[in-house]
Amino acid sequence: MRNIDYVIERTTRGKVTVTALCEDGCRYEVEHLGGQSLTGFEFGYVGSGPADLATSLLADALGEDITLDADRQAGRTTRTGRHSAALEDEVVARRCTQQGAVAWSISREEILTWLGRQGA
């Protein structure tokens, strides 16, 4: 699989976006998955927006096409579903916790390395 850098940033209007930058020059917006947050992605704390960010990052990095269960949660039968809460707590909630932080990044390789440490 190709290397991807995910750039997570807060726009001047407060919306958090995730842009995937591929080593071959492609660029795309990461789809908002997870369904917990009605207002979109977030980071720097544990909550619905960070949960959706973790789910979306994992699904994209793994290339998983996930579906949401009746509770709008990522199905626990996928690697994304089994590990998104831990990624939220250990990575998404801890990045950019400084007041006013607007951007951070993580690579696909970092996500997969983290996942490997989870025994997945």
PDB file of N, CA and C in Angstrom:
ATOM      1  N   MET A   1       0.840  -1.191   0.000  1.00  0.00           N
ATOM      2  CA  MET A   1       0.000   0.000   0.000  1.00  0.00           C
ATOM      3  C   MET A   1       0.884   1.253   0.000  1.00  0.00           C
ATOM      4  N   ARG A   2       0.392   2.296  -0.594  1.00  0.00           N
ATOM      5  CA  ARG A   2       1.171   3.531  -0.712  1.00  0.00           C
ATOM      6  C   ARG A   2       1.201   4.303   0.606  1.00  0.00           C
ATOM      7  N   ASN A   3       2.214   5.141   0.737  1.00  0.00           N
ATOM      8  CA  ASN A   3       2.300   5.971   1.932  1.00  0.00           C
ATOM      9  C   ASN A   3       1.371   7.173   1.787  1.00  0.00           C
ATOM     10  N   ILE A   4       0.712   7.506   2.884  1.00  0.00           N
ATOM     11  CA  ILE A   4      -0.226   8.627   2.922  1.00  0.00           C
ATOM     12  C   ILE A   4       0.055   9.427   4.182  1.00  0.00           C
ATOM     13  N   ASP A   5       0.068  10.743   4.053  1.00  0.00           N
ATOM     14  CA  ASP A   5       0.117  11.623   5.212  1.00  0.00           C
ATOM     15  C   ASP A   5      -1.262  12.249   5.369  1.00  0.00           C
ATOM     16  N   TYR A   6      -1.792  12.164   6.578  1.00  0.00           N
ATOM     17  CA  TYR A   6      -3.098  12.760   6.878  1.00  0.00           C
ATOM     18  C   TYR A   6      -2.863  14.072   7.593  1.00  0.00           C
ATOM     19  N   VAL A   7      -3.379  15.156   7.017  1.00  0.00           N
ATOM     20  CA  VAL A   7      -3.256  16.482   7.614  1.00  0.00           C
ATOM     21  C   VAL A   7      -4.619  16.845   8.198  1.00  0.00           C
ATOM     22  N   ILE A   8      -4.633  17.017   9.522  1.00  0.00           N
ATOM     23  CA  ILE A   8      -5.857  17.327  10.233  1.00  0.00           C
ATOM     24  C   ILE A   8      -5.762  18.785  10.663  1.00  0.00           C
ATOM     25  N   GLU A   9      -6.704  19.606  10.214  1.00  0.00           N
ATOM     26  CA  GLU A   9      -6.618  21.022  10.566  1.00  0.00           C
ATOM     27  C   GLU A   9      -7.984  21.635  10.802  1.00  0.00           C
ATOM     28  N   ARG A  10      -7.973  22.653  11.653  1.00  0.00           N
ATOM     29  CA  ARG A  10      -9.183  23.413  11.955  1.00  0.00           C
ATOM     30  C   ARG A  10      -9.196  24.647  11.056  1.00  0.00           C
ATOM     31  N   THR A  11     -10.280  24.825  10.309  1.00  0.00           N
ATOM     32  CA  THR A  11     -10.395  25.977   9.429  1.00  0.00           C
ATOM     33  C   THR A  11     -10.686  27.225  10.256  1.00  0.00           C
ATOM     34  N   THR A  12     -10.631  28.373   9.616  1.00  0.00           N
ATOM     35  CA  THR A  12     -10.925  29.628  10.315  1.00  0.00           C
ATOM     36  C   THR A  12     -12.366  29.670  10.811  1.00  0.00           C
ATOM     37  N   ARG A  13     -13.230  28.849  10.244  1.00  0.00           N
ATOM     38  CA  ARG A  13     -14.633  28.772  10.693  1.00  0.00           C
ATOM     39  C   ARG A  13     -14.837  27.704  11.762  1.00  0.00           C
ATOM     40  N   GLY A  14     -13.757  27.033  12.179  1.00  0.00           N
ATOM     41  CA  GLY A  14     -13.839  26.058  13.253  1.00  0.00           C
ATOM     42  C   GLY A  14     -14.074  24.624  12.840  1.00  0.00           C
ATOM     43  N   LYS A  15     -14.289  24.371  11.566  1.00  0.00           N
ATOM     44  CA  LYS A  15     -14.519  23.005  11.088  1.00  0.00           C
ATOM     45  C   LYS A  15     -13.183  22.272  10.986  1.00  0.00           C
ATOM     46  N   VAL A  16     -13.163  21.006  11.421  1.00  0.00           N
ATOM     47  CA  VAL A  16     -11.953  20.190  11.310  1.00  0.00           C
ATOM     48  C   VAL A  16     -12.037  19.376  10.026  1.00  0.00           C
ATOM     49  N   THR A  17     -10.997  19.477   9.215  1.00  0.00           N
ATOM     50  CA  THR A  17     -10.931  18.730   7.962  1.00  0.00           C
ATOM     51  C   THR A  17      -9.746  17.776   8.001  1.00  0.00           C
ATOM     52  N   VAL A  18      -9.842  16.716   7.192  1.00  0.00           N
ATOM     53  CA  VAL A  18      -8.754  15.748   7.077  1.00  0.00           C
ATOM     54  C   VAL A  18      -8.445  15.582   5.597  1.00  0.00           C
ATOM     55  N   THR A  19      -7.223  15.949   5.228  1.00  0.00           N
ATOM     56  CA  THR A  19      -6.776  15.822   3.850  1.00  0.00           C
ATOM     57  C   THR A  19      -5.700  14.757   3.782  1.00  0.00           C
ATOM     58  N   ALA A  20      -5.876  13.816   2.881  1.00  0.00           N
ATOM     59  CA  ALA A  20      -4.884  12.772   2.658  1.00  0.00           C
ATOM     60  C   ALA A  20      -3.972  13.217   1.522  1.00  0.00           C
ATOM     61  N   LEU A  21      -2.667  13.187   1.775  1.00  0.00           N
ATOM     62  CA  LEU A  21      -1.665  13.531   0.772  1.00  0.00           C
ATOM     63  C   LEU A  21      -0.863  12.273   0.473  1.00  0.00           C
ATOM     64  N   CYS A  22      -0.964  11.792  -0.761  1.00  0.00           N
ATOM     65  CA  CYS A  22      -0.307  10.545  -1.149  1.00  0.00           C
ATOM     66  C   CYS A  22       1.076  10.823  -1.713  1.00  0.00           C
ATOM     67  N   GLU A  23       1.963   9.841  -1.576  1.00  0.00           N
ATOM     68  CA  GLU A  23       3.324  10.001  -2.066  1.00  0.00           C
ATOM     69  C   GLU A  23       3.373  10.198  -3.585  1.00  0.00           C
ATOM     70  N   ASP A  24       2.354   9.727  -4.299  1.00  0.00           N
ATOM     71  CA  ASP A  24       2.335   9.878  -5.754  1.00  0.00           C
ATOM     72  C   ASP A  24       1.687  11.190  -6.198  1.00  0.00           C
ATOM     73  N   GLY A  25       1.368  12.060  -5.219  1.00  0.00           N
ATOM     74  CA  GLY A  25       0.835  13.370  -5.550  1.00  0.00           C
ATOM     75  C   GLY A  25      -0.674  13.496  -5.450  1.00  0.00           C
ATOM     76  N   CYS A  26      -1.375  12.389  -5.262  1.00  0.00           N
ATOM     77  CA  CYS A  26      -2.837  12.498  -5.143  1.00  0.00           C
ATOM     78  C   CYS A  26      -3.193  13.168  -3.822  1.00  0.00           C
ATOM     79  N   ARG A  27      -4.373  13.743  -3.797  1.00  0.00           N
ATOM     80  CA  ARG A  27      -4.853  14.476  -2.621  1.00  0.00           C
ATOM     81  C   ARG A  27      -6.367  14.287  -2.576  1.00  0.00           C
ATOM     82  N   TYR A  28      -6.884  13.950  -1.384  1.00  0.00           N
ATOM     83  CA  TYR A  28      -8.331  13.805  -1.261  1.00  0.00           C
ATOM     84  C   TYR A  28      -8.753  14.080   0.172  1.00  0.00           C
ATOM     85  N   GLU A  29     -10.026  14.421   0.333  1.00  0.00           N
ATOM     86  CA  GLU A  29     -10.596  14.630   1.661  1.00  0.00           C
ATOM     87  C   GLU A  29     -11.044  13.276   2.198  1.00  0.00           C
ATOM     88  N   VAL A  30     -10.697  12.993   3.438  1.00  0.00           N
ATOM     89  CA  VAL A  30     -11.085  11.738   4.070  1.00  0.00           C
ATOM     90  C   VAL A  30     -12.562  11.810   4.439  1.00  0.00           C
ATOM     91  N   GLU A  31     -13.285  10.755   4.112  1.00  0.00           N
ATOM     92  CA  GLU A  31     -14.724  10.700   4.371  1.00  0.00           C
ATOM     93  C   GLU A  31     -15.016  10.637   5.868  1.00  0.00           C
ATOM     94  N   HIS A  32     -16.044  11.371   6.293  1.00  0.00           N
ATOM     95  CA  HIS A  32     -16.472  11.363   7.695  1.00  0.00           C
ATOM     96  C   HIS A  32     -17.282  10.095   7.953  1.00  0.00           C
ATOM     97  N   LEU A  33     -16.665   9.176   8.699  1.00  0.00           N
ATOM     98  CA  LEU A  33     -17.316   7.916   9.061  1.00  0.00           C
ATOM     99  C   LEU A  33     -17.504   7.865  10.570  1.00  0.00           C
ATOM    100  N   GLY A  34     -18.278   6.944  11.023  1.00  0.00           N
ATOM    101  CA  GLY A  34     -18.447   6.736  12.451  1.00  0.00           C
ATOM    102  C   GLY A  34     -19.834   7.076  12.925  1.00  0.00           C
ATOM    103  N   GLY A  35     -20.349   8.213  12.505  1.00  0.00           N
ATOM    104  CA  GLY A  35     -21.724   8.566  12.796  1.00  0.00           C
ATOM    105  C   GLY A  35     -22.049   8.987  14.213  1.00  0.00           C
ATOM    106  N   GLN A  36     -21.045   9.211  15.065  1.00  0.00           N
ATOM    107  CA  GLN A  36     -21.345   9.651  16.426  1.00  0.00           C
ATOM    108  C   GLN A  36     -21.549  11.162  16.497  1.00  0.00           C
ATOM    109  N   SER A  37     -20.805  11.901  15.696  1.00  0.00           N
ATOM    110  CA  SER A  37     -20.841  13.360  15.764  1.00  0.00           C
ATOM    111  C   SER A  37     -21.693  13.947  14.653  1.00  0.00           C
ATOM    112  N   LEU A  38     -22.601  14.802  15.026  1.00  0.00           N
ATOM    113  CA  LEU A  38     -23.424  15.499  14.036  1.00  0.00           C
ATOM    114  C   LEU A  38     -22.701  16.713  13.468  1.00  0.00           C
ATOM    115  N   THR A  39     -21.648  17.155  14.160  1.00  0.00           N
ATOM    116  CA  THR A  39     -20.947  18.373  13.738  1.00  0.00           C
ATOM    117  C   THR A  39     -19.616  18.104  13.065  1.00  0.00           C
ATOM    118  N   GLY A  40     -19.191  16.853  12.970  1.00  0.00           N
ATOM    119  CA  GLY A  40     -17.966  16.537  12.244  1.00  0.00           C
ATOM    120  C   GLY A  40     -16.813  16.140  13.140  1.00  0.00           C
ATOM    121  N   PHE A  41     -15.630  16.144  12.536  1.00  0.00           N
ATOM    122  CA  PHE A  41     -14.418  15.726  13.225  1.00  0.00           C
ATOM    123  C   PHE A  41     -14.027  16.712  14.327  1.00  0.00           C
ATOM    124  N   GLU A  42     -13.278  16.194  15.314  1.00  0.00           N
ATOM    125  CA  GLU A  42     -12.663  17.002  16.359  1.00  0.00           C
ATOM    126  C   GLU A  42     -11.417  16.284  16.837  1.00  0.00           C
ATOM    127  N   PHE A  43     -10.611  16.957  17.663  1.00  0.00           N
ATOM    128  CA  PHE A  43      -9.423  16.342  18.248  1.00  0.00           C
ATOM    129  C   PHE A  43      -9.068  17.061  19.537  1.00  0.00           C
ATOM    130  N   GLY A  44      -8.189  16.445  20.320  1.00  0.00           N
ATOM    131  CA  GLY A  44      -7.712  17.067  21.546  1.00  0.00           C
ATOM    132  C   GLY A  44      -8.471  16.691  22.801  1.00  0.00           C
ATOM    133  N   TYR A  45      -9.462  15.833  22.689  1.00  0.00           N
ATOM    134  CA  TYR A  45     -10.231  15.352  23.839  1.00  0.00           C
ATOM    135  C   TYR A  45     -10.937  14.074  23.419  1.00  0.00           C
ATOM    136  N   VAL A  46     -11.565  13.372  24.345  1.00  0.00           N
ATOM    137  CA  VAL A  46     -12.353  12.177  24.037  1.00  0.00           C
ATOM    138  C   VAL A  46     -13.808  12.604  23.894  1.00  0.00           C
ATOM    139  N   GLY A  47     -14.422  12.234  22.789  1.00  0.00           N
ATOM    140  CA  GLY A  47     -15.812  12.603  22.538  1.00  0.00           C
ATOM    141  C   GLY A  47     -16.252  12.109  21.176  1.00  0.00           C
ATOM    142  N   SER A  48     -17.427  12.533  20.743  1.00  0.00           N
ATOM    143  CA  SER A  48     -17.987  12.023  19.497  1.00  0.00           C
ATOM    144  C   SER A  48     -17.199  12.457  18.257  1.00  0.00           C
ATOM    145  N   GLY A  49     -16.782  13.715  18.189  1.00  0.00           N
ATOM    146  CA  GLY A  49     -15.997  14.181  17.040  1.00  0.00           C
ATOM    147  C   GLY A  49     -14.652  13.480  16.928  1.00  0.00           C
ATOM    148  N   PRO A  50     -13.896  13.356  18.032  1.00  0.00           N
ATOM    149  CA  PRO A  50     -12.649  12.594  17.984  1.00  0.00           C
ATOM    150  C   PRO A  50     -12.873  11.111  17.665  1.00  0.00           C
ATOM    151  N   ALA A  51     -13.977  10.534  18.138  1.00  0.00           N
ATOM    152  CA  ALA A  51     -14.278   9.131  17.827  1.00  0.00           C
ATOM    153  C   ALA A  51     -14.464   8.948  16.322  1.00  0.00           C
ATOM    154  N   ASP A  52     -15.196   9.863  15.699  1.00  0.00           N
ATOM    155  CA  ASP A  52     -15.395   9.777  14.249  1.00  0.00           C
ATOM    156  C   ASP A  52     -14.083   9.988  13.503  1.00  0.00           C
ATOM    157  N   LEU A  53     -13.233  10.880  13.994  1.00  0.00           N
ATOM    158  CA  LEU A  53     -11.929  11.093  13.366  1.00  0.00           C
ATOM    159  C   LEU A  53     -11.099   9.816  13.434  1.00  0.00           C
ATOM    160  N   ALA A  54     -11.054   9.169  14.595  1.00  0.00           N
ATOM    161  CA  ALA A  54     -10.295   7.922  14.741  1.00  0.00           C
ATOM    162  C   ALA A  54     -10.836   6.845  13.804  1.00  0.00           C
ATOM    163  N   THR A  55     -12.148   6.703  13.739  1.00  0.00           N
ATOM    164  CA  THR A  55     -12.771   5.717  12.851  1.00  0.00           C
ATOM    165  C   THR A  55     -12.416   5.992  11.397  1.00  0.00           C
ATOM    166  N   SER A  56     -12.509   7.237  10.988  1.00  0.00           N
ATOM    167  CA  SER A  56     -12.235   7.607   9.599  1.00  0.00           C
ATOM    168  C   SER A  56     -10.777   7.406   9.231  1.00  0.00           C
ATOM    169  N   LEU A  57      -9.852   7.780  10.131  1.00  0.00           N
ATOM    170  CA  LEU A  57      -8.421   7.581   9.878  1.00  0.00           C
ATOM    171  C   LEU A  57      -8.090   6.102   9.747  1.00  0.00           C
ATOM    172  N   LEU A  58      -8.590   5.292  10.675  1.00  0.00           N
ATOM    173  CA  LEU A  58      -8.312   3.854  10.618  1.00  0.00           C
ATOM    174  C   LEU A  58      -8.881   3.216   9.355  1.00  0.00           C
ATOM    175  N   ALA A  59     -10.120   3.514   9.047  1.00  0.00           N
ATOM    176  CA  ALA A  59     -10.747   2.927   7.858  1.00  0.00           C
ATOM    177  C   ALA A  59      -9.974   3.289   6.600  1.00  0.00           C
ATOM    178  N   ASP A  60      -9.552   4.546   6.486  1.00  0.00           N
ATOM    179  CA  ASP A  60      -8.819   4.969   5.297  1.00  0.00           C
ATOM    180  C   ASP A  60      -7.439   4.305   5.253  1.00  0.00           C
ATOM    181  N   ALA A  61      -6.736   4.303   6.376  1.00  0.00           N
ATOM    182  CA  ALA A  61      -5.392   3.717   6.417  1.00  0.00           C
ATOM    183  C   ALA A  61      -5.416   2.227   6.107  1.00  0.00           C
ATOM    184  N   LEU A  62      -6.460   1.538   6.567  1.00  0.00           N
ATOM    185  CA  LEU A  62      -6.579   0.098   6.338  1.00  0.00           C
ATOM    186  C   LEU A  62      -7.246  -0.246   5.010  1.00  0.00           C
ATOM    187  N   GLY A  63      -7.854   0.755   4.393  1.00  0.00           N
ATOM    188  CA  GLY A  63      -8.581   0.490   3.149  1.00  0.00           C
ATOM    189  C   GLY A  63      -9.859  -0.294   3.389  1.00  0.00           C
ATOM    190  N   GLU A  64     -10.432  -0.159   4.610  1.00  0.00           N
ATOM    191  CA  GLU A  64     -11.661  -0.879   4.932  1.00  0.00           C
ATOM    192  C   GLU A  64     -12.880  -0.076   4.524  1.00  0.00           C
ATOM    193  N   ASP A  65     -13.807  -0.768   3.907  1.00  0.00           N
ATOM    194  CA  ASP A  65     -15.098  -0.182   3.563  1.00  0.00           C
ATOM    195  C   ASP A  65     -16.046  -0.585   4.684  1.00  0.00           C
ATOM    196  N   ILE A  66     -16.227   0.302   5.656  1.00  0.00           N
ATOM    197  CA  ILE A  66     -17.026  -0.072   6.816  1.00  0.00           C
ATOM    198  C   ILE A  66     -18.466   0.366   6.650  1.00  0.00           C
ATOM    199  N   THR A  67     -19.334  -0.359   7.309  1.00  0.00           N
ATOM    200  CA  THR A  67     -20.732   0.032   7.381  1.00  0.00           C
ATOM    201  C   THR A  67     -21.046   0.299   8.845  1.00  0.00           C
ATOM    202  N   LEU A  68     -22.059   1.078   9.088  1.00  0.00           N
ATOM    203  CA  LEU A  68     -22.441   1.410  10.450  1.00  0.00           C
ATOM    204  C   LEU A  68     -23.549   0.478  10.909  1.00  0.00           C
ATOM    205  N   ASP A  69     -23.483   0.070  12.191  1.00  0.00           N
ATOM    206  CA  ASP A  69     -24.531  -0.787  12.719  1.00  0.00           C
ATOM    207  C   ASP A  69     -25.742   0.064  13.115  1.00  0.00           C
ATOM    208  N   ALA A  70     -26.723  -0.566  13.743  1.00  0.00           N
ATOM    209  CA  ALA A  70     -27.978   0.137  14.085  1.00  0.00           C
ATOM    210  C   ALA A  70     -27.751   1.322  15.008  1.00  0.00           C
ATOM    211  N   ASP A  71     -26.693   1.297  15.804  1.00  0.00           N
ATOM    212  CA  ASP A  71     -26.385   2.407  16.708  1.00  0.00           C
ATOM    213  C   ASP A  71     -25.457   3.432  16.061  1.00  0.00           C
ATOM    214  N   ARG A  72     -25.265   3.324  14.757  1.00  0.00           N
ATOM    215  CA  ARG A  72     -24.415   4.221  13.979  1.00  0.00           C
ATOM    216  C   ARG A  72     -22.946   4.139  14.412  1.00  0.00           C
ATOM    217  N   GLN A  73     -22.532   2.981  14.898  1.00  0.00           N
ATOM    218  CA  GLN A  73     -21.149   2.737  15.278  1.00  0.00           C
ATOM    219  C   GLN A  73     -20.508   1.884  14.197  1.00  0.00           C
ATOM    220  N   ALA A  74     -19.198   2.040  14.047  1.00  0.00           N
ATOM    221  CA  ALA A  74     -18.485   1.185  13.106  1.00  0.00           C
ATOM    222  C   ALA A  74     -18.605  -0.247  13.593  1.00  0.00           C
ATOM    223  N   GLY A  75     -18.973  -1.138  12.705  1.00  0.00           N
ATOM    224  CA  GLY A  75     -19.140  -2.540  13.083  1.00  0.00           C
ATOM    225  C   GLY A  75     -17.901  -3.104  13.761  1.00  0.00           C
ATOM    226  N   ARG A  76     -18.095  -3.810  14.847  1.00  0.00           N
ATOM    227  CA  ARG A  76     -16.975  -4.344  15.626  1.00  0.00           C
ATOM    228  C   ARG A  76     -16.329  -5.552  14.965  1.00  0.00           C
ATOM    229  N   THR A  77     -16.844  -5.971  13.809  1.00  0.00           N
ATOM    230  CA  THR A  77     -16.237  -7.097  13.114  1.00  0.00           C
ATOM    231  C   THR A  77     -15.055  -6.655  12.265  1.00  0.00           C
ATOM    232  N   THR A  78     -14.871  -5.366  12.073  1.00  0.00           N
ATOM    233  CA  THR A  78     -13.745  -4.861  11.290  1.00  0.00           C
ATOM    234  C   THR A  78     -12.608  -4.458  12.222  1.00  0.00           C
ATOM    235  N   ARG A  79     -11.403  -4.421  11.686  1.00  0.00           N
ATOM    236  CA  ARG A  79     -10.266  -3.938  12.481  1.00  0.00           C
ATOM    237  C   ARG A  79     -10.511  -2.501  12.900  1.00  0.00           C
ATOM    238  N   THR A  80     -11.112  -1.710  12.011  1.00  0.00           N
ATOM    239  CA  THR A  80     -11.444  -0.325  12.345  1.00  0.00           C
ATOM    240  C   THR A  80     -12.362  -0.276  13.547  1.00  0.00           C
ATOM    241  N   GLY A  81     -13.427  -1.048  13.519  1.00  0.00           N
ATOM    242  CA  GLY A  81     -14.391  -1.047  14.604  1.00  0.00           C
ATOM    243  C   GLY A  81     -13.809  -1.513  15.924  1.00  0.00           C
ATOM    244  N   ARG A  82     -12.920  -2.490  15.866  1.00  0.00           N
ATOM    245  CA  ARG A  82     -12.332  -3.025  17.099  1.00  0.00           C
ATOM    246  C   ARG A  82     -11.311  -2.089  17.734  1.00  0.00           C
ATOM    247  N   HIS A  83     -10.680  -1.217  16.946  1.00  0.00           N
ATOM    248  CA  HIS A  83      -9.567  -0.427  17.463  1.00  0.00           C
ATOM    249  C   HIS A  83      -9.777   1.087  17.442  1.00  0.00           C
ATOM    250  N   SER A  84     -10.902   1.564  16.930  1.00  0.00           N
ATOM    251  CA  SER A  84     -11.072   3.015  16.811  1.00  0.00           C
ATOM    252  C   SER A  84     -11.152   3.714  18.166  1.00  0.00           C
ATOM    253  N   ALA A  85     -11.763   3.097  19.173  1.00  0.00           N
ATOM    254  CA  ALA A  85     -11.853   3.739  20.495  1.00  0.00           C
ATOM    255  C   ALA A  85     -10.472   3.904  21.117  1.00  0.00           C
ATOM    256  N   ALA A  86      -9.613   2.904  20.948  1.00  0.00           N
ATOM    257  CA  ALA A  86      -8.246   3.000  21.482  1.00  0.00           C
ATOM    258  C   ALA A  86      -7.447   4.059  20.734  1.00  0.00           C
ATOM    259  N   LEU A  87      -7.605   4.148  19.407  1.00  0.00           N
ATOM    260  CA  LEU A  87      -6.902   5.190  18.646  1.00  0.00           C
ATOM    261  C   LEU A  87      -7.385   6.568  19.078  1.00  0.00           C
ATOM    262  N   GLU A  88      -8.678   6.694  19.303  1.00  0.00           N
ATOM    263  CA  GLU A  88      -9.221   7.972  19.792  1.00  0.00           C
ATOM    264  C   GLU A  88      -8.549   8.359  21.109  1.00  0.00           C
ATOM    265  N   ASP A  89      -8.514   7.429  22.050  1.00  0.00           N
ATOM    266  CA  ASP A  89      -7.973   7.717  23.382  1.00  0.00           C
ATOM    267  C   ASP A  89      -6.461   7.935  23.377  1.00  0.00           C
ATOM    268  N   GLU A  90      -5.733   7.106  22.652  1.00  0.00           N
ATOM    269  CA  GLU A  90      -4.274   7.141  22.711  1.00  0.00           C
ATOM    270  C   GLU A  90      -3.616   8.125  21.745  1.00  0.00           C
ATOM    271  N   VAL A  91      -4.307   8.486  20.681  1.00  0.00           N
ATOM    272  CA  VAL A  91      -3.698   9.357  19.667  1.00  0.00           C
ATOM    273  C   VAL A  91      -4.510  10.632  19.448  1.00  0.00           C
ATOM    274  N   VAL A  92      -5.741  10.494  18.997  1.00  0.00           N
ATOM    275  CA  VAL A  92      -6.550  11.653  18.608  1.00  0.00           C
ATOM    276  C   VAL A  92      -6.799  12.599  19.791  1.00  0.00           C
ATOM    277  N   ALA A  93      -7.108  12.057  20.946  1.00  0.00           N
ATOM    278  CA  ALA A  93      -7.397  12.907  22.102  1.00  0.00           C
ATOM    279  C   ALA A  93      -6.142  13.578  22.656  1.00  0.00           C
ATOM    280  N   ARG A  94      -4.979  13.028  22.369  1.00  0.00           N
ATOM    281  CA  ARG A  94      -3.735  13.548  22.947  1.00  0.00           C
ATOM    282  C   ARG A  94      -2.972  14.484  22.029  1.00  0.00           C
ATOM    283  N   ARG A  95      -3.339  14.533  20.767  1.00  0.00           N
ATOM    284  CA  ARG A  95      -2.658  15.416  19.831  1.00  0.00           C
ATOM    285  C   ARG A  95      -3.242  16.811  19.916  1.00  0.00           C
ATOM    286  N   CYS A  96      -2.395  17.795  19.836  1.00  0.00           N
ATOM    287  CA  CYS A  96      -2.818  19.201  19.770  1.00  0.00           C
ATOM    288  C   CYS A  96      -3.785  19.582  20.873  1.00  0.00           C
ATOM    289  N   THR A  97      -3.424  19.296  22.104  1.00  0.00           N
ATOM    290  CA  THR A  97      -4.304  19.663  23.207  1.00  0.00           C
ATOM    291  C   THR A  97      -4.036  21.081  23.702  1.00  0.00           C
ATOM    292  N   GLN A  98      -3.023  21.741  23.141  1.00  0.00           N
ATOM    293  CA  GLN A  98      -2.737  23.113  23.534  1.00  0.00           C
ATOM    294  C   GLN A  98      -3.888  24.026  23.094  1.00  0.00           C
ATOM    295  N   GLN A  99      -4.149  25.021  23.905  1.00  0.00           N
ATOM    296  CA  GLN A  99      -5.195  25.997  23.583  1.00  0.00           C
ATOM    297  C   GLN A  99      -4.916  26.615  22.216  1.00  0.00           C
ATOM    298  N   GLY A 100      -5.875  26.575  21.353  1.00  0.00           N
ATOM    299  CA  GLY A 100      -5.755  27.218  20.059  1.00  0.00           C
ATOM    300  C   GLY A 100      -5.040  26.413  18.994  1.00  0.00           C
ATOM    301  N   ALA A 101      -4.670  25.173  19.272  1.00  0.00           N
ATOM    302  CA  ALA A 101      -3.991  24.356  18.262  1.00  0.00           C
ATOM    303  C   ALA A 101      -4.917  24.175  17.061  1.00  0.00           C
ATOM    304  N   VAL A 102      -4.356  24.318  15.866  1.00  0.00           N
ATOM    305  CA  VAL A 102      -5.209  24.249  14.679  1.00  0.00           C
ATOM    306  C   VAL A 102      -4.848  23.137  13.708  1.00  0.00           C
ATOM    307  N   ALA A 103      -3.705  22.486  13.869  1.00  0.00           N
ATOM    308  CA  ALA A 103      -3.336  21.470  12.885  1.00  0.00           C
ATOM    309  C   ALA A 103      -2.355  20.461  13.450  1.00  0.00           C
ATOM    310  N   TRP A 104      -2.411  19.248  12.899  1.00  0.00           N
ATOM    311  CA  TRP A 104      -1.441  18.206  13.185  1.00  0.00           C
ATOM    312  C   TRP A 104      -1.511  17.202  12.049  1.00  0.00           C
ATOM    313  N   SER A 105      -0.570  16.290  12.029  1.00  0.00           N
ATOM    314  CA  SER A 105      -0.585  15.281  10.971  1.00  0.00           C
ATOM    315  C   SER A 105      -0.147  13.940  11.531  1.00  0.00           C
ATOM    316  N   ILE A 106      -0.525  12.907  10.815  1.00  0.00           N
ATOM    317  CA  ILE A 106      -0.128  11.539  11.136  1.00  0.00           C
ATOM    318  C   ILE A 106      -0.043  10.788   9.819  1.00  0.00           C
ATOM    319  N   SER A 107       0.916   9.906   9.710  1.00  0.00           N
ATOM    320  CA  SER A 107       1.068   9.148   8.468  1.00  0.00           C
ATOM    321  C   SER A 107       0.359   7.805   8.569  1.00  0.00           C
ATOM    322  N   ARG A 108       0.089   7.244   7.431  1.00  0.00           N
ATOM    323  CA  ARG A 108      -0.492   5.898   7.372  1.00  0.00           C
ATOM    324  C   ARG A 108       0.441   4.929   8.084  1.00  0.00           C
ATOM    325  N   GLU A 109       1.729   5.092   7.876  1.00  0.00           N
ATOM    326  CA  GLU A 109       2.718   4.223   8.512  1.00  0.00           C
ATOM    327  C   GLU A 109       2.633   4.318  10.045  1.00  0.00           C
ATOM    328  N   GLU A 110       2.473   5.530  10.580  1.00  0.00           N
ATOM    329  CA  GLU A 110       2.333   5.694  12.034  1.00  0.00           C
ATOM    330  C   GLU A 110       1.076   4.991  12.550  1.00  0.00           C
ATOM    331  N   ILE A 111      -0.011   5.094  11.808  1.00  0.00           N
ATOM    332  CA  ILE A 111      -1.260   4.445  12.212  1.00  0.00           C
ATOM    333  C   ILE A 111      -1.084   2.931  12.212  1.00  0.00           C
ATOM    334  N   LEU A 112      -0.469   2.389  11.159  1.00  0.00           N
ATOM    335  CA  LEU A 112      -0.275   0.946  11.074  1.00  0.00           C
ATOM    336  C   LEU A 112       0.704   0.440  12.127  1.00  0.00           C
ATOM    337  N   THR A 113       1.729   1.231  12.444  1.00  0.00           N
ATOM    338  CA  THR A 113       2.660   0.865  13.519  1.00  0.00           C
ATOM    339  C   THR A 113       1.926   0.835  14.849  1.00  0.00           C
ATOM    340  N   TRP A 114       1.113   1.856  15.110  1.00  0.00           N
ATOM    341  CA  TRP A 114       0.306   1.895  16.332  1.00  0.00           C
ATOM    342  C   TRP A 114      -0.594   0.663  16.391  1.00  0.00           C
ATOM    343  N   LEU A 115      -1.241   0.332  15.281  1.00  0.00           N
ATOM    344  CA  LEU A 115      -2.144  -0.807  15.229  1.00  0.00           C
ATOM    345  C   LEU A 115      -1.402  -2.112  15.519  1.00  0.00           C
ATOM    346  N   GLY A 116      -0.193  -2.233  15.000  1.00  0.00           N
ATOM    347  CA  GLY A 116       0.627  -3.414  15.263  1.00  0.00           C
ATOM    348  C   GLY A 116       0.929  -3.570  16.744  1.00  0.00           C
ATOM    349  N   ARG A 117       1.152  -2.462  17.429  1.00  0.00           N
ATOM    350  CA  ARG A 117       1.407  -2.513  18.874  1.00  0.00           C
ATOM    351  C   ARG A 117       0.163  -2.950  19.654  1.00  0.00           C
ATOM    352  N   GLN A 118      -0.996  -2.834  19.031  1.00  0.00           N
ATOM    353  CA  GLN A 118      -2.241  -3.279  19.666  1.00  0.00           C
ATOM    354  C   GLN A 118      -2.455  -4.778  19.498  1.00  0.00           C
ATOM    355  N   GLY A 119      -1.564  -5.412  18.742  1.00  0.00           N
ATOM    356  CA  GLY A 119      -1.703  -6.845  18.480  1.00  0.00           C
ATOM    357  C   GLY A 119      -2.687  -7.153  17.368  1.00  0.00           C
ATOM    358  N   ALA A 120      -2.947  -6.158  16.558  1.00  0.00           N
ATOM    359  CA  ALA A 120      -3.936  -6.355  15.475  1.00  0.00           C
ATOM    360  C   ALA A 120      -3.261  -6.744  14.176  1.00  0.00           C
TER     361      ALA A 120
END
